[in-house]
């Protein structure tokens, strides 16, 4: 608070920022990267901030008969379970590795955030980051299908959708003015 009036004049912005206890978000550029499909970005942002209405959060406001994950029905549904521990998510990731190659899915949200902060800017990390956003989106859609439609799709189908959605985004971006580096990313994805 001393910094807000350090020069003898009170500065509201500095005072407000001194009251904030949360760390500044340093990975927003990674999440909102234009290579990602916009709806994938939005869901990824929500997951990173634990804002999706999973059953553990809904139970705070309303009574639910069942708090189990609607996808696997093994454990309490939470962000941590759905995106990191759910057997269904793990199967989707295994299917994706068949066409993408090996990539490390983080074991929990904290590791994920550390990975986002320490991200190197390269073609491979851009592609893998795009796939992570697509996996996150597709898992959330599968969860909603299981919860509301009592319907689920096989993991191989989701893997193919992830691949096709990323290719479609690349084709769309191919018609927009791109930098040379971004053109290399598009060529690399089109070869999958």
Protein backbone atom coordinates (compact mmCIF):
# COMPACT_ATOMS: atom_id res chain seq x y z
CA UNK A 1 0.00 0.00 0.00
CA UNK A 2 2.95 2.29 0.54
CA UNK A 3 3.69 2.19 -3.20
CA UNK A 4 0.24 3.61 -4.01
CA UNK A 5 1.20 6.93 -2.48
CA UNK A 6 4.99 6.74 -2.79
CA UNK A 7 5.37 9.99 -4.73
CA UNK A 8 3.00 11.94 -2.53
CA UNK A 9 -0.05 11.37 -4.75
CA UNK A 10 -2.48 8.55 -4.21
CA UNK A 11 -2.85 6.22 -7.22
CA UNK A 12 -5.98 4.12 -7.23
CA UNK A 13 -4.63 1.56 -9.73
CA UNK A 14 -1.52 0.86 -7.65
CA UNK A 15 -3.59 0.64 -4.48
CA UNK A 16 -6.00 -1.83 -6.09
CA UNK A 17 -3.17 -3.99 -7.43
CA UNK A 18 -1.55 -4.06 -3.99
CA UNK A 19 -4.78 -5.53 -2.59
CA UNK A 20 -4.82 -8.39 -5.07
CA UNK A 21 -3.47 -11.59 -3.61
CA UNK A 22 -3.61 -13.76 -6.73
CA UNK A 23 -0.63 -14.05 -9.01
CA UNK A 24 -0.79 -12.32 -12.34
CA UNK A 25 -1.63 -14.72 -15.14
CA UNK A 26 1.43 -15.21 -17.30
CA UNK A 27 0.06 -17.94 -19.56
CA UNK A 28 -2.89 -16.13 -21.14
CA UNK A 29 -1.08 -15.80 -24.48
CA UNK A 30 -0.56 -19.55 -24.53
CA UNK A 31 -4.24 -20.28 -23.94
CA UNK A 32 -5.57 -17.67 -26.38
CA UNK A 33 -3.11 -18.57 -29.18
CA UNK A 34 -4.78 -18.12 -32.57
CA UNK A 35 -3.88 -21.63 -33.71
CA UNK A 36 -6.43 -23.00 -31.25
CA UNK A 37 -10.10 -23.23 -32.17
CA UNK A 38 -11.93 -20.41 -30.30
CA UNK A 39 -14.35 -22.69 -28.41
CA UNK A 40 -11.39 -24.89 -27.38
CA UNK A 41 -9.64 -21.81 -26.02
CA UNK A 42 -12.66 -20.83 -23.97
CA UNK A 43 -13.08 -24.25 -22.35
CA UNK A 44 -9.32 -24.48 -21.71
CA UNK A 45 -9.45 -21.08 -19.98
CA UNK A 46 -12.36 -22.28 -17.85
CA UNK A 47 -10.54 -25.50 -16.91
CA UNK A 48 -7.35 -23.68 -15.96
CA UNK A 49 -9.39 -21.47 -13.63
CA UNK A 50 -11.58 -24.35 -12.37
CA UNK A 51 -14.72 -22.53 -13.52
CA UNK A 52 -16.60 -25.32 -15.27
CA UNK A 53 -19.67 -26.48 -13.39
CA UNK A 54 -18.55 -29.92 -12.38
CA UNK A 55 -20.66 -31.78 -9.84
CA UNK A 56 -18.39 -30.92 -6.91
CA UNK A 57 -18.98 -27.21 -7.57
CA UNK A 58 -22.69 -27.60 -8.35
CA UNK A 59 -23.20 -29.43 -5.05
CA UNK A 60 -22.29 -26.21 -3.22
CA UNK A 61 -25.40 -24.50 -4.64
CA UNK A 62 -27.91 -27.27 -5.29
CA UNK A 63 -28.65 -30.75 -4.03
CA UNK A 64 -27.48 -33.49 -6.40
CA UNK A 65 -28.47 -37.13 -5.99
CA UNK A 66 -25.16 -38.34 -7.38
CA UNK A 67 -21.77 -36.64 -7.32
CA UNK A 68 -19.97 -39.34 -9.31
CA UNK A 69 -18.35 -38.55 -12.65
CA UNK A 70 -21.02 -39.17 -15.32
CA UNK A 71 -18.36 -40.47 -17.72
CA UNK A 72 -16.72 -43.22 -15.65
CA UNK A 73 -18.92 -43.33 -12.51
CA UNK A 74 -15.85 -44.23 -10.39
CA UNK A 75 -15.05 -41.07 -8.46
CA UNK A 76 -16.36 -37.66 -7.41
CA UNK A 77 -16.58 -35.41 -10.45
CA UNK A 78 -14.18 -32.48 -10.19
CA UNK A 79 -11.83 -30.69 -12.55
CA UNK A 80 -8.96 -32.75 -11.20
CA UNK A 81 -10.76 -36.02 -11.76
CA UNK A 82 -12.35 -35.27 -15.14
CA UNK A 83 -9.28 -33.85 -16.87
CA UNK A 84 -6.45 -35.69 -15.13
CA UNK A 85 -7.59 -38.90 -13.40
CA UNK A 86 -10.66 -40.12 -15.29
CA UNK A 87 -10.00 -43.42 -17.11
CA UNK A 88 -11.97 -42.12 -20.09
CA UNK A 89 -9.68 -39.07 -20.46
CA UNK A 90 -6.64 -41.33 -20.22
CA UNK A 91 -8.03 -43.51 -23.03
CA UNK A 92 -8.65 -40.45 -25.21
CA UNK A 93 -5.04 -39.35 -24.67
CA UNK A 94 -3.80 -42.84 -25.62
CA UNK A 95 -5.82 -42.65 -28.86
CA UNK A 96 -4.40 -39.20 -29.64
CA UNK A 97 -0.83 -40.43 -29.15
CA UNK A 98 -1.42 -42.94 -31.97
CA UNK A 99 -1.43 -40.15 -34.55
CA UNK A 100 0.38 -37.35 -32.70
CA UNK A 101 3.14 -39.33 -31.09
CA UNK A 102 4.03 -39.32 -27.43
CA UNK A 103 3.22 -36.24 -25.41
CA UNK A 104 3.02 -35.85 -21.68
CA UNK A 105 -0.39 -35.12 -20.24
CA UNK A 106 0.09 -33.48 -16.85
CA UNK A 107 -0.97 -35.43 -13.74
CA UNK A 108 -2.77 -32.44 -12.18
CA UNK A 109 -3.73 -28.81 -12.71
CA UNK A 110 -0.70 -27.43 -10.87
CA UNK A 111 1.71 -29.27 -13.21
CA UNK A 112 -0.32 -28.03 -16.15
CA UNK A 113 0.01 -24.42 -15.05
CA UNK A 114 3.75 -24.82 -14.51
CA UNK A 115 4.01 -26.26 -18.03
CA UNK A 116 2.09 -23.32 -19.46
CA UNK A 117 4.36 -20.81 -17.73
CA UNK A 118 7.56 -22.51 -18.82
CA UNK A 119 6.43 -23.04 -22.40
CA UNK A 120 8.96 -22.72 -25.20
CA UNK A 121 7.75 -21.15 -28.40
CA UNK A 122 8.30 -23.82 -31.07
CA UNK A 123 6.30 -25.60 -33.75
CA UNK A 124 6.03 -28.82 -31.79
CA UNK A 125 4.84 -27.12 -28.58
CA UNK A 126 2.31 -25.03 -30.55
CA UNK A 127 0.84 -28.16 -32.12
CA UNK A 128 0.79 -30.13 -28.89
CA UNK A 129 -0.76 -27.18 -27.07
CA UNK A 130 -3.48 -27.00 -29.70
CA UNK A 131 -4.15 -30.71 -29.27
CA UNK A 132 -4.32 -30.30 -25.46
CA UNK A 133 -6.99 -27.62 -25.91
CA UNK A 134 -8.94 -29.88 -28.28
CA UNK A 135 -8.71 -32.87 -25.90
CA UNK A 136 -9.93 -30.68 -23.05
CA UNK A 137 -12.87 -29.47 -25.12
CA UNK A 138 -13.82 -32.95 -26.34
CA UNK A 139 -13.64 -34.44 -22.83
CA UNK A 140 -15.94 -31.68 -21.56
CA UNK A 141 -18.38 -32.31 -24.44
CA UNK A 142 -18.30 -36.05 -23.68
CA UNK A 143 -19.00 -35.31 -20.05
CA UNK A 144 -22.01 -33.21 -21.04
CA UNK A 145 -23.27 -35.92 -23.39
CA UNK A 146 -23.02 -38.48 -20.59
CA UNK A 147 -24.69 -36.19 -18.06
CA UNK A 148 -27.52 -34.81 -20.18
CA UNK A 149 -27.99 -37.09 -23.17
CA UNK A 150 -26.97 -40.43 -21.59
CA UNK A 151 -24.79 -40.91 -24.65
CA UNK A 152 -21.06 -41.38 -25.10
CA UNK A 153 -18.76 -41.78 -28.07
CA UNK A 154 -15.84 -44.19 -28.31
CA UNK A 155 -12.41 -42.71 -27.63
CA UNK A 156 -11.27 -43.51 -31.19
CA UNK A 157 -14.07 -41.30 -32.54
CA UNK A 158 -13.07 -38.44 -30.24
CA UNK A 159 -9.44 -38.80 -31.28
CA UNK A 160 -10.43 -38.53 -34.92
CA UNK A 161 -12.56 -35.45 -34.14
CA UNK A 162 -9.63 -33.83 -32.35
CA UNK A 163 -7.42 -34.46 -35.35
CA UNK A 164 -10.01 -33.16 -37.83
CA UNK A 165 -10.88 -30.06 -35.79
CA UNK A 166 -7.22 -29.08 -35.64
CA UNK A 167 -6.81 -29.66 -39.37
CA UNK A 168 -9.94 -27.61 -40.10
CA UNK A 169 -8.56 -24.74 -38.02
CA UNK A 170 -5.29 -24.93 -39.91
CA UNK A 171 -7.08 -24.87 -43.26
CA UNK A 172 -9.04 -21.82 -42.11
CA UNK A 173 -5.89 -20.06 -40.95
CA UNK A 174 -4.16 -20.96 -44.21
CA UNK A 175 -6.38 -18.40 -45.95
CA UNK A 176 -5.40 -15.64 -43.52
CA UNK A 177 -2.14 -13.70 -43.67
CA UNK A 178 0.37 -15.69 -41.66
CA UNK A 179 3.98 -15.33 -40.63
CA UNK A 180 6.50 -17.85 -42.00
CA UNK A 181 6.69 -19.66 -38.66
CA UNK A 182 2.92 -20.06 -38.59
CA UNK A 183 2.94 -21.42 -42.16
CA UNK A 184 5.40 -24.07 -41.00
CA UNK A 185 2.98 -25.07 -38.22
CA UNK A 186 0.16 -25.39 -40.75
CA UNK A 187 2.26 -27.55 -43.06
CA UNK A 188 3.27 -29.76 -40.15
CA UNK A 189 -0.32 -30.26 -38.95
CA UNK A 190 -1.58 -30.96 -42.46
CA UNK A 191 0.90 -33.83 -42.66
CA UNK A 192 -0.70 -35.69 -39.70
